[in-house]
Amino acid sequence: MRPNDYRKILADLKRFDAEVSHRQVESVAWAALSFVENRLKPTYASIVLHDSDPKKRRVLTRSDGLTLSPEPLPSEGRPDIAARAVEADEAICCRDVPGEKKRGDALLRRVPEDTRSVVVLPLRTADAVVGTLNIGSNRVDGISADQQVFLEAAAARLTGVLRGAQVLEELSSACERLQKECALQKSALEKSRDELELEVARRTAEIRRLQERLQAENIYLKEELAGAHAYGGIIGESPSLKAVISRIALVAPTDANVLILGESGTGKELIAREIHRQSARKDRPLIKVNCATIPMELYESEFFGHVKGAFTGAVSDRMGRFEAADGGTLFLDEVGEIPPSLQGKLLRVLQEGEFERVGEGRTRKVDVRIIAATNKNLMEEIKNARFREDLYYRLNVFPIEITPLRDRAEDIPLLAAHLIGVFARRLNRPPPRLTEANLMDLKAHGWPGNVRELQNIIERALILSPHGRLHFDLPRANGGSPLSAQSFSEGASAAAAPILTEAEITALQKQNLLAALIRSGWKIYGKGGAAELLGVKPTTLIERMRRLGVRRPG
């Protein structure tokens, strides 16, 4: 081929590109076939459009030179010349059209009688098969070299344009389907709009209720978390304590109300926590109420909650302890302090599981297990008309009585050793040795304050014993401090022991508090915070910091 031939082909291809730039497949095909027929004057020209279903193949030709005639071209038996060209991905030239017609080629049966040869050029991209461009000639040797070059270049361009038009038609068809589906969906949505609005309103109210409950639970749980397990679990081996543990194991799996009886400081709250921990409600909160610390006018609000404006100072809705404990356990400490005016409402909640917030008419239902504790003789309170008898029997379904520490002296060594370890960790020092003389002193004491008094005595002893030698400052019955067995055994060496002034003790406390704050990175609340390291409530720690003048640097 001469240079002029190539220039002519390039010019023809530019015109071809301009002619076939349409958005519809049939418009592209018509323009392509029209251009080829006008330039090459073939005896036959068509485009076969491939389909993943062989039965849906189509052949496009120009009838009478004006309109495009699409006809089905199903694949029958052996692959025809169009299928073979697509499979081989190369042009195929058939120079024996009459013979192939006789052999039943589906495409060649459609060409005119004067056609002696046909060139079939595949139209395919890297990821899709479009079809074939088919050109017939009355010459046996097919088309000329320059015609071959033109057709191959035109086929490559036609492939891209046809594929783009196919994608657009597919998208257009998909859009139409989506529009119809959207119209149906819109009709259905409009029909159910009122129902959805009601459902949204209901769920919004439910979300608000859950948020309110979560906020209330967080407040109550933060209060409880600071004191929970501050001194460990139930420790001791006395028969009376083992009996208590056995009764806990019996009642914990049930939903029965429990009344814990015992003197102040015997560990009634610890027993309540263990009952909750072993119950089926352990994944729900244990909410504590100290009935002795609630002002008379706030009892009902504290128990049942209130709505905004119910009384002076009620600036927002507030969930009560019963509602916060829904699904869990409510621990009523010092239950004997509840005023008679509220006992009837408390009885109603225990019997019916129903209550109303202060200032609200709506009745609410809760599922709460009650564990109550008292150091009072409730039967005496009933006789003196300070406690309702029917409420007593509601609470006293399963009583557990805790023996005072003075009546289970065999538990003192275990408790003392455990508490020494607890307070030694808080003071950041190794635990001192507990001597036999120390144990004699502890066992000889009457412990009117029970385990709480033992905790205080041991904490004081560790603060006053910075060099590791314990001395328990146990008060006498008349208020004085006795000489301990250790003092008698040590003789003059006891008199030489260092005595700390009040200022020195304060300085030691401040030093220990600073050490905890530095170790926790000045974090007060939460796990790993200074309050947890010292075993005190965060509010107590903040008050100590204020009293001792401790401030974070910077």
Protein backbone atom coordinates (compact mmCIF):
# COMPACT_ATOMS: atom_id res chain seq x y z
CA MET A 1 0.00 0.00 0.00
CA ARG A 2 1.13 3.52 -0.86
CA PRO A 3 1.29 6.47 1.60
CA ASN A 4 -1.67 8.06 -0.13
CA ASP A 5 -3.70 4.92 0.58
CA TYR A 6 -3.00 5.24 4.31
CA ARG A 7 -3.91 8.91 4.33
CA LYS A 8 -7.17 8.09 2.59
CA ILE A 9 -7.90 5.34 5.14
CA LEU A 10 -7.25 7.73 8.04
CA ALA A 11 -9.55 10.31 6.51
CA ASP A 12 -12.24 7.67 6.03
CA LEU A 13 -11.86 6.52 9.65
CA LYS A 14 -12.32 10.06 10.93
CA ARG A 15 -15.53 10.36 8.95
CA PHE A 16 -16.53 6.89 10.21
CA ASP A 17 -16.01 8.00 13.82
CA ALA A 18 -18.18 11.03 13.25
CA GLU A 19 -20.94 9.02 11.58
CA VAL A 20 -21.24 6.32 14.27
CA SER A 21 -21.17 8.61 17.35
CA HIS A 22 -24.71 7.82 18.52
CA ARG A 23 -26.21 6.75 21.86
CA GLN A 24 -28.54 3.96 20.62
CA VAL A 25 -27.25 0.60 19.44
CA GLU A 26 -29.44 0.47 16.33
CA SER A 27 -28.51 4.05 15.38
CA VAL A 28 -24.81 3.17 15.64
CA ALA A 29 -25.32 0.00 13.60
CA TRP A 30 -27.30 1.83 10.89
CA ALA A 31 -24.64 4.54 10.57
CA ALA A 32 -21.80 2.00 10.46
CA LEU A 33 -23.45 -0.17 7.81
CA SER A 34 -24.40 2.91 5.74
CA PHE A 35 -20.80 4.17 5.78
CA VAL A 36 -19.34 0.78 4.83
CA GLU A 37 -21.85 0.26 2.02
CA ASN A 38 -21.19 3.70 0.58
CA ARG A 39 -17.40 3.30 0.71
CA LEU A 40 -16.88 -0.37 -0.21
CA LYS A 41 -20.04 -1.15 -2.25
CA PRO A 42 -20.25 -4.71 -0.83
CA THR A 43 -22.88 -7.22 -1.93
CA TYR A 44 -23.74 -7.83 1.73
CA ALA A 45 -23.18 -5.97 5.03
CA SER A 46 -24.52 -6.84 8.47
CA ILE A 47 -23.75 -6.70 12.18
CA VAL A 48 -24.41 -9.67 14.46
CA LEU A 49 -25.09 -8.70 18.09
CA HIS A 50 -23.94 -11.35 20.54
CA ASP A 51 -25.98 -12.40 23.59
CA SER A 52 -25.13 -14.65 26.52
CA ASP A 53 -28.20 -16.66 25.51
CA PRO A 54 -27.45 -18.05 22.00
CA LYS A 55 -31.16 -18.02 21.21
CA LYS A 56 -31.27 -14.22 21.57
CA ARG A 57 -28.60 -13.34 19.00
CA ARG A 58 -29.66 -10.74 16.42
CA VAL A 59 -28.44 -9.81 12.95
CA LEU A 60 -28.83 -6.20 11.80
CA THR A 61 -28.97 -5.28 8.10
CA ARG A 62 -30.13 -2.25 6.12
CA SER A 63 -33.21 -3.05 4.11
CA ASP A 64 -33.82 -0.86 1.02
CA GLY A 65 -30.86 1.25 2.22
CA LEU A 66 -33.03 3.34 4.53
CA THR A 67 -34.23 1.34 7.55
CA LEU A 68 -32.47 -1.10 9.86
CA SER A 69 -33.92 -4.59 9.96
CA PRO A 70 -33.12 -6.55 13.12
CA GLU A 71 -33.80 -10.30 12.82
CA PRO A 72 -33.20 -13.13 15.29
CA LEU A 73 -30.15 -15.28 14.58
CA PRO A 74 -30.39 -18.23 16.96
CA SER A 75 -27.44 -20.58 17.09
CA GLU A 76 -28.41 -23.94 15.55
CA GLY A 77 -26.26 -27.03 15.77
CA ARG A 78 -22.63 -26.41 14.98
CA PRO A 79 -21.22 -22.86 15.48
CA ASP A 80 -21.69 -20.60 12.46
CA ILE A 81 -18.97 -18.38 11.03
CA ALA A 82 -19.87 -15.46 13.36
CA ALA A 83 -19.55 -17.65 16.47
CA ARG A 84 -16.20 -19.04 15.24
CA ALA A 85 -14.80 -15.54 14.62
CA VAL A 86 -15.79 -14.45 18.12
CA GLU A 87 -14.32 -17.61 19.63
CA ALA A 88 -11.04 -17.24 17.74
CA ASP A 89 -10.97 -13.43 18.27
CA GLU A 90 -9.73 -12.90 14.69
CA ALA A 91 -11.18 -12.14 11.29
CA ILE A 92 -12.37 -15.11 9.21
CA CYS A 93 -12.69 -14.99 5.42
CA CYS A 94 -15.01 -17.51 3.76
CA ARG A 95 -14.29 -17.97 0.03
CA ASP A 96 -16.84 -20.74 -0.52
CA VAL A 97 -20.12 -19.14 0.45
CA PRO A 98 -22.30 -21.49 -1.65
CA GLY A 99 -20.68 -24.52 -0.04
CA GLU A 100 -21.11 -23.15 3.49
CA LYS A 101 -24.74 -22.37 2.73
CA LYS A 102 -25.29 -26.00 1.81
CA ARG A 103 -23.61 -27.05 5.08
CA GLY A 104 -26.19 -24.97 6.96
CA ASP A 105 -24.23 -21.96 8.27
CA ALA A 106 -26.85 -19.82 10.02
CA LEU A 107 -25.35 -16.47 8.97
CA LEU A 108 -24.23 -17.30 5.42
CA ARG A 109 -27.69 -18.64 4.52
CA ARG A 110 -28.87 -14.99 4.66
CA VAL A 111 -26.38 -13.48 2.19
CA PRO A 112 -27.48 -12.76 -1.42
CA GLU A 113 -26.88 -15.34 -4.18
CA ASP A 114 -24.29 -13.21 -5.96
CA THR A 115 -22.02 -13.13 -2.89
CA ARG A 116 -18.96 -15.35 -3.46
CA SER A 117 -16.95 -14.53 -0.28
CA VAL A 118 -17.60 -13.05 3.19
CA VAL A 119 -15.21 -11.47 5.75
CA VAL A 120 -16.35 -11.70 9.38
CA LEU A 121 -14.57 -9.39 11.86
CA PRO A 122 -15.06 -9.95 15.63
CA LEU A 123 -16.27 -7.04 17.73
CA ARG A 124 -15.10 -7.63 21.29
CA THR A 125 -13.44 -5.79 24.18
CA ALA A 126 -11.17 -7.19 26.84
CA ASP A 127 -14.14 -8.09 29.04
CA ALA A 128 -17.16 -8.28 26.74
CA VAL A 129 -18.24 -9.79 23.40
CA VAL A 130 -20.26 -7.35 21.25
CA GLY A 131 -20.71 -9.32 18.03
CA THR A 132 -19.29 -9.34 14.47
CA LEU A 133 -19.10 -7.04 11.43
CA ASN A 134 -19.85 -9.09 8.27
CA ILE A 135 -18.95 -7.86 4.75
CA GLY A 136 -19.74 -9.83 1.55
CA SER A 137 -18.13 -9.53 -1.92
CA ASN A 138 -18.81 -10.94 -5.40
CA ARG A 139 -15.13 -11.73 -5.69
CA VAL A 140 -13.84 -15.15 -4.69
CA ASP A 141 -10.59 -13.73 -3.37
CA GLY A 142 -12.47 -11.49 -0.95
CA ILE A 143 -11.66 -7.85 -0.28
CA SER A 144 -8.52 -5.90 -1.17
CA ALA A 145 -5.66 -5.17 1.24
CA ASP A 146 -6.59 -1.52 1.78
CA GLN A 147 -10.20 -2.54 2.39
CA GLN A 148 -8.97 -5.11 4.93
CA VAL A 149 -6.96 -2.45 6.81
CA PHE A 150 -9.91 -0.06 6.81
CA LEU A 151 -12.38 -2.71 8.04
CA GLU A 152 -10.13 -3.89 10.86
CA ALA A 153 -9.63 -0.32 12.11
CA ALA A 154 -13.33 0.47 11.68
CA ALA A 155 -14.26 -2.73 13.56
CA ALA A 156 -12.07 -1.70 16.50
CA ARG A 157 -13.75 1.72 16.66
CA LEU A 158 -17.20 0.23 16.14
CA THR A 159 -16.64 -2.17 19.05
CA GLY A 160 -16.11 0.67 21.51
CA VAL A 161 -19.04 2.72 20.26
CA LEU A 162 -21.44 -0.23 20.21
CA ARG A 163 -20.35 -1.35 23.68
CA GLY A 164 -20.87 2.18 25.03
CA ALA A 165 -24.32 2.32 23.45
CA GLN A 166 -25.17 -1.10 24.91
CA VAL A 167 -24.12 0.03 28.39
CA LEU A 168 -26.20 3.20 28.04
CA GLU A 169 -29.24 1.19 26.94
CA GLU A 170 -28.73 -1.24 29.80
CA LEU A 171 -28.49 1.67 32.23
CA SER A 172 -31.54 3.31 30.68
CA SER A 173 -33.48 0.08 30.99
CA ALA A 174 -32.33 -0.35 34.57
CA CYS A 175 -33.35 3.23 35.33
CA GLU A 176 -36.81 2.62 33.89
CA ARG A 177 -37.17 -0.49 36.01
CA LEU A 178 -35.98 1.42 39.05
CA GLN A 179 -38.40 4.26 38.32
CA LYS A 180 -41.27 1.81 38.16
CA GLU A 181 -40.12 0.11 41.37
CA CYS A 182 -39.67 3.50 43.03
CA ALA A 183 -43.17 4.51 41.98
CA LEU A 184 -44.53 1.33 43.54
CA GLN A 185 -42.43 1.82 46.66
CA LYS A 186 -43.49 5.45 46.92
CA SER A 187 -47.11 4.42 46.71
CA ALA A 188 -46.59 1.82 49.43
CA LEU A 189 -44.65 4.24 51.62
CA GLU A 190 -47.28 6.93 51.26
CA LYS A 191 -49.92 4.40 52.18
CA SER A 192 -48.10 3.40 55.40
CA ARG A 193 -46.70 6.84 56.30
CA ASP A 194 -49.08 7.40 59.19
CA GLU A 195 -48.25 4.00 60.66
CA LEU A 196 -44.53 4.70 60.37
CA GLU A 197 -44.89 8.09 62.03
CA LEU A 198 -46.67 6.47 64.93
CA GLU A 199 -43.96 3.81 65.15
CA VAL A 200 -41.22 6.44 65.06
CA ALA A 201 -42.95 8.37 67.83
CA ARG A 202 -43.25 5.21 69.91
CA ARG A 203 -39.63 4.26 69.39
CA THR A 204 -38.44 7.79 70.08
CA ALA A 205 -40.24 7.70 73.40
CA GLU A 206 -38.69 4.29 74.11
CA ILE A 207 -35.20 5.59 73.27
CA ARG A 208 -35.70 8.55 75.57
CA ARG A 209 -36.84 6.23 78.33
CA LEU A 210 -33.80 3.99 77.83
CA GLN A 211 -31.45 6.99 77.75
CA GLU A 212 -32.97 8.26 80.97
CA ARG A 213 -32.59 4.85 82.55
CA LEU A 214 -28.99 4.52 81.37
CA GLN A 215 -28.10 7.93 82.79
CA ALA A 216 -29.70 7.03 86.11
CA GLU A 217 -27.93 3.66 86.20
CA ASN A 218 -24.60 5.32 85.44
CA ILE A 219 -25.06 7.76 88.31
CA TYR A 220 -26.02 5.05 90.78
CA LEU A 221 -23.38 2.59 89.57
CA LYS A 222 -20.60 5.18 89.86
CA GLU A 223 -21.65 5.69 93.45
CA GLU A 224 -21.55 1.97 94.12
CA LEU A 225 -18.43 1.15 92.12
CA ALA A 226 -16.15 3.19 94.34
CA GLY A 227 -17.12 1.12 97.39
CA ALA A 228 -17.76 -2.26 95.77
CA HIS A 229 -15.28 -4.96 96.88
CA ALA A 230 -13.03 -2.34 98.45
CA TYR A 231 -11.89 -4.90 101.01
CA GLY A 232 -12.33 -8.14 99.05
CA GLY A 233 -14.89 -10.91 99.38
CA ILE A 234 -16.32 -12.91 102.28
CA ILE A 235 -13.40 -14.04 104.45
CA GLY A 236 -13.55 -16.42 107.38
CA GLU A 237 -13.86 -20.04 108.44
CA SER A 238 -16.10 -19.92 111.49
CA PRO A 239 -19.15 -22.24 111.51
CA SER A 240 -21.52 -19.27 111.67
CA LEU A 241 -19.95 -17.66 108.58
CA LYS A 242 -20.00 -20.97 106.71
CA ALA A 243 -23.72 -21.23 107.55
CA VAL A 244 -24.27 -17.75 106.05
CA ILE A 245 -22.40 -18.75 102.87
CA SER A 246 -24.52 -21.89 102.64
CA ARG A 247 -27.74 -19.85 102.93
CA ILE A 248 -26.49 -17.46 100.24
CA ALA A 249 -26.00 -20.40 97.87
CA LEU A 250 -29.55 -21.57 98.58
CA VAL A 251 -31.37 -18.26 98.07
CA ALA A 252 -29.24 -16.55 95.39
CA PRO A 253 -30.61 -18.47 92.36
CA THR A 254 -34.20 -17.61 93.37
CA ASP A 255 -36.03 -14.27 93.18
CA ALA A 256 -37.04 -14.41 96.85
CA ASN A 257 -36.70 -11.24 98.93
CA VAL A 258 -33.92 -11.45 101.53
CA LEU A 259 -33.66 -9.70 104.90
CA ILE A 260 -30.10 -9.47 106.25
CA LEU A 261 -29.90 -8.95 110.01
CA GLY A 262 -26.83 -8.00 111.98
CA GLU A 263 -25.07 -5.37 113.99
CA SER A 264 -23.54 -2.33 112.35
CA GLY A 265 -20.24 -3.11 110.64
CA THR A 266 -20.75 -6.86 110.21
CA GLY A 267 -20.72 -6.72 106.38
CA LYS A 268 -24.38 -6.79 105.43
CA GLU A 269 -23.73 -4.99 102.14
CA LEU A 270 -21.05 -7.55 101.25
CA ILE A 271 -23.59 -10.35 101.76
CA ALA A 272 -26.10 -8.49 99.53
CA ARG A 273 -23.52 -8.12 96.76
CA GLU A 274 -22.67 -11.82 96.94
CA ILE A 275 -26.35 -12.79 96.67
CA HIS A 276 -26.70 -10.58 93.59
CA ARG A 277 -23.46 -11.92 92.06
CA GLN A 278 -24.70 -15.52 92.30
CA SER A 279 -28.20 -14.72 91.02
CA ALA A 280 -29.64 -14.82 87.51
CA ARG A 281 -29.82 -11.00 87.69
CA LYS A 282 -26.05 -10.55 87.95
CA ASP A 283 -25.85 -8.92 84.49
CA ARG A 284 -28.28 -6.20 85.59
CA PRO A 285 -27.37 -3.54 88.16
CA LEU A 286 -27.36 -3.83 91.93
CA ILE A 287 -28.69 -0.46 93.12
CA LYS A 288 -28.06 0.52 96.74
CA VAL A 289 -30.19 2.86 98.84
CA ASN A 290 -29.04 3.90 102.30
CA CYS A 291 -32.41 4.62 103.84
CA ALA A 292 -30.81 6.36 106.85
CA THR A 293 -29.28 9.16 104.75
CA ILE A 294 -32.32 10.29 102.72
CA PRO A 295 -34.09 13.47 103.90
CA MET A 296 -37.69 12.86 104.90
CA GLU A 297 -39.15 15.01 102.12
CA LEU A 298 -37.12 13.28 99.40
CA TYR A 299 -37.87 9.63 100.18
CA GLU A 300 -40.60 9.24 97.59
CA SER A 301 -38.60 11.01 94.85
CA GLU A 302 -35.50 8.95 95.64
CA PHE A 303 -37.40 5.65 95.46
CA PHE A 304 -39.84 6.33 92.62
CA GLY A 305 -38.46 9.36 90.74
CA HIS A 306 -40.24 12.56 89.76
CA VAL A 307 -41.27 14.60 86.73
CA LYS A 308 -40.23 18.12 85.92
CA GLY A 309 -42.04 20.67 88.08
CA ALA A 310 -43.33 18.12 90.59
CA PHE A 311 -41.87 20.21 93.42
CA THR A 312 -39.49 23.11 93.94
CA GLY A 313 -36.12 22.15 92.50
CA ALA A 314 -37.46 19.46 90.15
CA VAL A 315 -35.98 21.05 87.02
CA SER A 316 -36.11 17.86 84.93
CA ASP A 317 -37.54 14.34 84.91
CA ARG A 318 -35.60 11.97 87.16
CA MET A 319 -35.67 8.19 87.38
CA GLY A 320 -35.93 6.68 90.86
CA ARG A 321 -33.97 3.80 92.33
CA PHE A 322 -36.70 1.23 91.67
CA GLU A 323 -36.80 2.09 87.98
CA ALA A 324 -33.00 2.08 87.72
CA ALA A 325 -32.94 -1.40 89.27
CA ASP A 326 -35.56 -2.81 86.87
CA GLY A 327 -34.49 -6.35 85.97
CA GLY A 328 -31.83 -6.27 88.70
CA THR A 329 -31.59 -6.02 92.48
CA LEU A 330 -32.37 -3.17 94.88
CA PHE A 331 -30.47 -3.21 98.19
CA LEU A 332 -32.32 -1.31 100.92
CA ASP A 333 -29.72 -0.70 103.62
CA GLU A 334 -31.01 0.42 107.04
CA VAL A 335 -34.55 -0.46 105.94
CA GLY A 336 -35.82 0.18 109.48
CA GLU A 337 -35.29 3.91 108.90
CA ILE A 338 -37.98 4.20 106.19
CA PRO A 339 -40.73 6.52 107.53
CA PRO A 340 -44.16 4.91 108.09
CA SER A 341 -45.74 7.34 105.59
CA LEU A 342 -43.78 5.72 102.73
CA GLN A 343 -43.98 2.11 103.87
CA GLY A 344 -47.42 1.62 102.28
CA LYS A 345 -46.18 2.71 98.85
CA LEU A 346 -43.13 0.49 99.24
CA LEU A 347 -45.40 -2.43 100.09
CA ARG A 348 -47.43 -1.79 96.91
CA VAL A 349 -44.30 -2.01 94.75
CA LEU A 350 -43.30 -5.26 96.43
CA GLN A 351 -46.77 -6.75 95.95
CA GLU A 352 -47.80 -5.43 92.53
CA GLY A 353 -44.55 -4.24 90.94
CA GLU A 354 -46.25 -0.87 90.22
CA PHE A 355 -45.58 2.74 91.18
CA GLU A 356 -45.98 6.33 89.97
CA ARG A 357 -43.32 9.00 89.80
CA VAL A 358 -43.92 12.04 91.96
CA GLY A 359 -46.13 14.45 90.00
CA GLU A 360 -47.08 11.90 87.33
CA GLY A 361 -50.33 10.01 86.89
CA ARG A 362 -48.96 7.21 84.69
CA THR A 363 -48.44 3.87 86.44
CA ARG A 364 -45.13 2.17 85.73
CA LYS A 365 -44.21 -1.49 86.19
CA VAL A 366 -40.86 -2.86 87.37
CA ASP A 367 -39.32 -6.26 88.02
CA VAL A 368 -37.03 -5.83 91.01
CA ARG A 369 -35.62 -8.22 93.59
CA ILE A 370 -35.37 -6.71 97.08
CA ILE A 371 -32.53 -7.36 99.51
CA ALA A 372 -33.02 -5.43 102.75
CA ALA A 373 -30.67 -5.02 105.71
CA THR A 374 -31.06 -3.60 109.19
CA ASN A 375 -29.36 -3.54 112.59
CA LYS A 376 -32.68 -2.86 114.30
CA ASN A 377 -35.05 -5.28 115.94
CA LEU A 378 -37.94 -4.92 113.51
CA MET A 379 -40.36 -6.83 115.76
CA GLU A 380 -39.82 -4.17 118.43
CA GLU A 381 -40.36 -1.50 115.78
CA ILE A 382 -43.66 -3.17 114.83
CA LYS A 383 -44.79 -3.20 118.47
CA ASN A 384 -43.98 0.50 118.71
CA ALA A 385 -45.93 1.23 115.47
CA ARG A 386 -42.81 2.42 113.65
CA PHE A 387 -42.76 -0.39 111.08
CA ARG A 388 -45.61 -2.07 109.21
CA GLU A 389 -46.06 -5.74 110.01
CA ASP A 390 -47.22 -6.62 106.47
CA LEU A 391 -44.10 -4.94 105.01
CA TYR A 392 -41.92 -6.89 107.43
CA TYR A 393 -43.33 -10.21 106.23
CA ARG A 394 -42.87 -9.14 102.59
CA LEU A 395 -39.21 -8.43 103.25
CA ASN A 396 -38.51 -11.33 105.58
CA VAL A 397 -39.07 -14.12 103.05
CA PHE A 398 -35.56 -15.47 103.59
CA PRO A 399 -33.70 -14.07 106.62
CA ILE A 400 -29.91 -14.24 106.93
CA GLU A 401 -28.39 -13.28 110.28
CA ILE A 402 -24.71 -12.32 110.50
CA THR A 403 -22.94 -13.18 113.75
CA PRO A 404 -20.99 -10.31 115.39
CA LEU A 405 -17.21 -10.47 115.10
CA ARG A 406 -16.75 -10.95 118.87
CA ASP A 407 -18.62 -14.29 118.59
CA ARG A 408 -16.43 -15.63 115.78
CA ALA A 409 -12.90 -14.89 116.94
CA GLU A 410 -11.52 -17.65 114.69
CA ASP A 411 -12.19 -15.35 111.70
CA ILE A 412 -10.05 -12.51 113.09
CA PRO A 413 -6.61 -13.84 111.97
CA LEU A 414 -7.80 -14.35 108.37
CA LEU A 415 -9.53 -10.96 108.27
CA ALA A 416 -6.55 -9.19 109.81
CA ALA A 417 -4.05 -10.76 107.40
CA HIS A 418 -6.25 -9.85 104.43
CA LEU A 419 -6.79 -6.25 105.57
CA ILE A 420 -3.07 -5.76 106.27
CA GLY A 421 -2.37 -6.73 102.66
CA VAL A 422 -5.07 -4.35 101.38
CA PHE A 423 -3.85 -1.33 103.36
CA ALA A 424 -0.19 -2.09 102.73
CA ARG A 425 -0.84 -1.90 98.99
CA ARG A 426 -2.62 1.40 99.43
CA LEU A 427 0.29 2.79 101.42
CA ASN A 428 2.79 1.46 98.86
CA ARG A 429 4.79 -0.51 101.41
CA PRO A 430 5.40 -4.23 102.08
CA PRO A 431 2.88 -5.81 104.46
CA PRO A 432 4.23 -6.08 108.03
CA ARG A 433 4.29 -9.40 109.88
CA LEU A 434 1.29 -10.22 112.07
CA THR A 435 2.69 -11.66 115.31
CA GLU A 436 1.06 -13.96 117.85
CA ALA A 437 1.07 -11.03 120.27
CA ASN A 438 -0.87 -8.98 117.74
CA LEU A 439 -3.43 -11.77 117.37
CA MET A 440 -3.79 -12.05 121.15
CA ASP A 441 -4.58 -8.33 121.30
CA LEU A 442 -7.12 -8.58 118.47
CA LYS A 443 -8.88 -11.63 119.86
CA ALA A 444 -9.09 -10.12 123.32
CA HIS A 445 -10.95 -7.05 122.07
CA GLY A 446 -14.77 -6.96 122.16
CA TRP A 447 -15.22 -5.37 118.69
CA PRO A 448 -18.39 -3.36 119.23
CA GLY A 449 -17.90 -1.93 115.72
CA ASN A 450 -17.34 -5.42 114.22
CA VAL A 451 -15.41 -5.74 110.92
CA ARG A 452 -15.63 -2.01 110.20
CA GLU A 453 -13.85 -1.29 113.47
CA LEU A 454 -11.22 -3.94 112.63
CA GLN A 455 -10.60 -2.20 109.29
CA ASN A 456 -10.08 1.14 111.01
CA ILE A 457 -7.79 -0.30 113.68
CA ILE A 458 -5.58 -2.05 111.11
CA GLU A 459 -5.41 0.99 108.81
CA ARG A 460 -4.38 3.16 111.77
CA ALA A 461 -1.78 0.58 112.86
CA LEU A 462 -0.16 0.54 109.42
CA ILE A 463 -0.04 4.35 109.26
CA LEU A 464 1.59 4.45 112.73
CA SER A 465 4.00 1.63 111.90
CA PRO A 466 6.12 2.92 109.02
CA HIS A 467 9.02 0.62 109.95
CA GLY A 468 7.04 -2.62 109.73
CA ARG A 469 6.36 -3.34 113.43
CA LEU A 470 2.62 -3.42 114.15
CA HIS A 471 1.08 -1.95 117.26
CA PHE A 472 -2.70 -2.00 117.57
CA ASP A 473 -4.15 0.96 119.46
CA LEU A 474 -7.16 -0.88 120.89
CA PRO A 475 -9.42 1.22 123.15
CA ARG A 476 -10.38 -0.01 126.59
CA ALA A 477 -13.95 -0.27 127.69
CA ASN A 478 -13.47 2.94 129.75
CA GLY A 479 -12.09 4.80 126.74
CA GLY A 480 -8.36 4.44 127.49
CA SER A 481 -5.71 2.56 125.53
CA PRO A 482 -4.60 -0.76 127.04
CA LEU A 483 -1.10 -2.11 127.28
CA SER A 484 -0.90 -4.83 124.71
CA ALA A 485 0.80 -8.22 125.11
CA GLN A 486 3.36 -6.96 122.65
CA SER A 487 4.15 -4.02 124.96
CA PHE A 488 4.79 -6.39 127.89
CA SER A 489 7.01 -8.66 125.79
CA GLU A 490 9.08 -5.89 124.27
CA GLY A 491 9.70 -4.01 127.55
CA ALA A 492 11.97 -1.05 127.18
CA SER A 493 12.24 -1.37 123.42
CA ALA A 494 8.57 -0.39 123.12
CA ALA A 495 9.28 2.86 124.92
CA ALA A 496 12.01 3.60 122.39
CA ALA A 497 9.68 3.13 119.40
CA PRO A 498 9.27 6.33 117.32
CA ILE A 499 6.19 8.40 118.10
CA LEU A 500 4.69 10.45 115.28
CA THR A 501 3.10 13.81 115.85
CA GLU A 502 -0.21 14.76 114.27
CA ALA A 503 1.69 16.88 111.74
CA GLU A 504 3.91 13.93 110.83
CA ILE A 505 0.90 11.68 110.34
CA THR A 506 -0.69 14.32 108.10
CA ALA A 507 2.54 14.61 106.11
CA LEU A 508 2.66 10.82 105.72
CA GLN A 509 -0.94 10.78 104.45
CA LYS A 510 -0.17 13.58 101.99
CA GLN A 511 2.93 11.76 100.76
CA ASN A 512 0.96 8.55 100.26
CA LEU A 513 -1.85 10.40 98.44
CA LEU A 514 0.66 12.11 96.11
CA ALA A 515 2.31 8.76 95.35
CA ALA A 516 -1.06 7.30 94.30
CA LEU A 517 -1.89 10.33 92.12
CA ILE A 518 1.50 10.23 90.39
CA ARG A 519 1.27 6.48 89.76
CA SER A 520 -2.22 6.89 88.23
CA GLY A 521 -1.15 9.87 86.13
CA TRP A 522 -3.43 12.14 88.21
CA LYS A 523 -6.45 10.08 87.19
CA ILE A 524 -9.02 10.01 90.01
CA TYR A 525 -12.03 8.08 88.66
CA GLY A 526 -12.29 4.64 87.07
CA LYS A 527 -10.07 1.59 86.82
CA GLY A 528 -6.45 2.33 87.67
CA GLY A 529 -7.39 5.70 89.15
CA ALA A 530 -5.96 7.06 92.41
CA ALA A 531 -9.26 6.46 94.21
CA GLU A 532 -9.10 2.75 93.32
CA LEU A 533 -5.43 2.52 94.40
CA LEU A 534 -6.24 4.09 97.76
CA GLY A 535 -9.49 2.13 98.17
CA VAL A 536 -11.64 5.19 98.75
CA LYS A 537 -14.51 6.81 96.91
CA PRO A 538 -13.52 9.46 94.36
CA THR A 539 -15.50 12.07 96.29
CA THR A 540 -13.57 11.17 99.47
CA LEU A 541 -10.27 11.47 97.60
CA ILE A 542 -11.21 14.90 96.20
CA GLU A 543 -12.12 16.09 99.72
CA ARG A 544 -8.77 14.83 101.09
CA MET A 545 -6.91 16.60 98.30
CA ARG A 546 -8.71 19.83 99.19
CA ARG A 547 -8.04 19.39 102.92
CA LEU A 548 -4.35 18.58 102.43
CA GLY A 549 -3.85 21.27 99.79
CA VAL A 550 -2.88 18.83 97.02
CA ARG A 551 -3.23 20.26 93.51
CA ARG A 552 -2.16 18.98 90.14
CA PRO A 553 1.01 20.80 88.99
CA GLY A 554 0.71 23.06 85.93
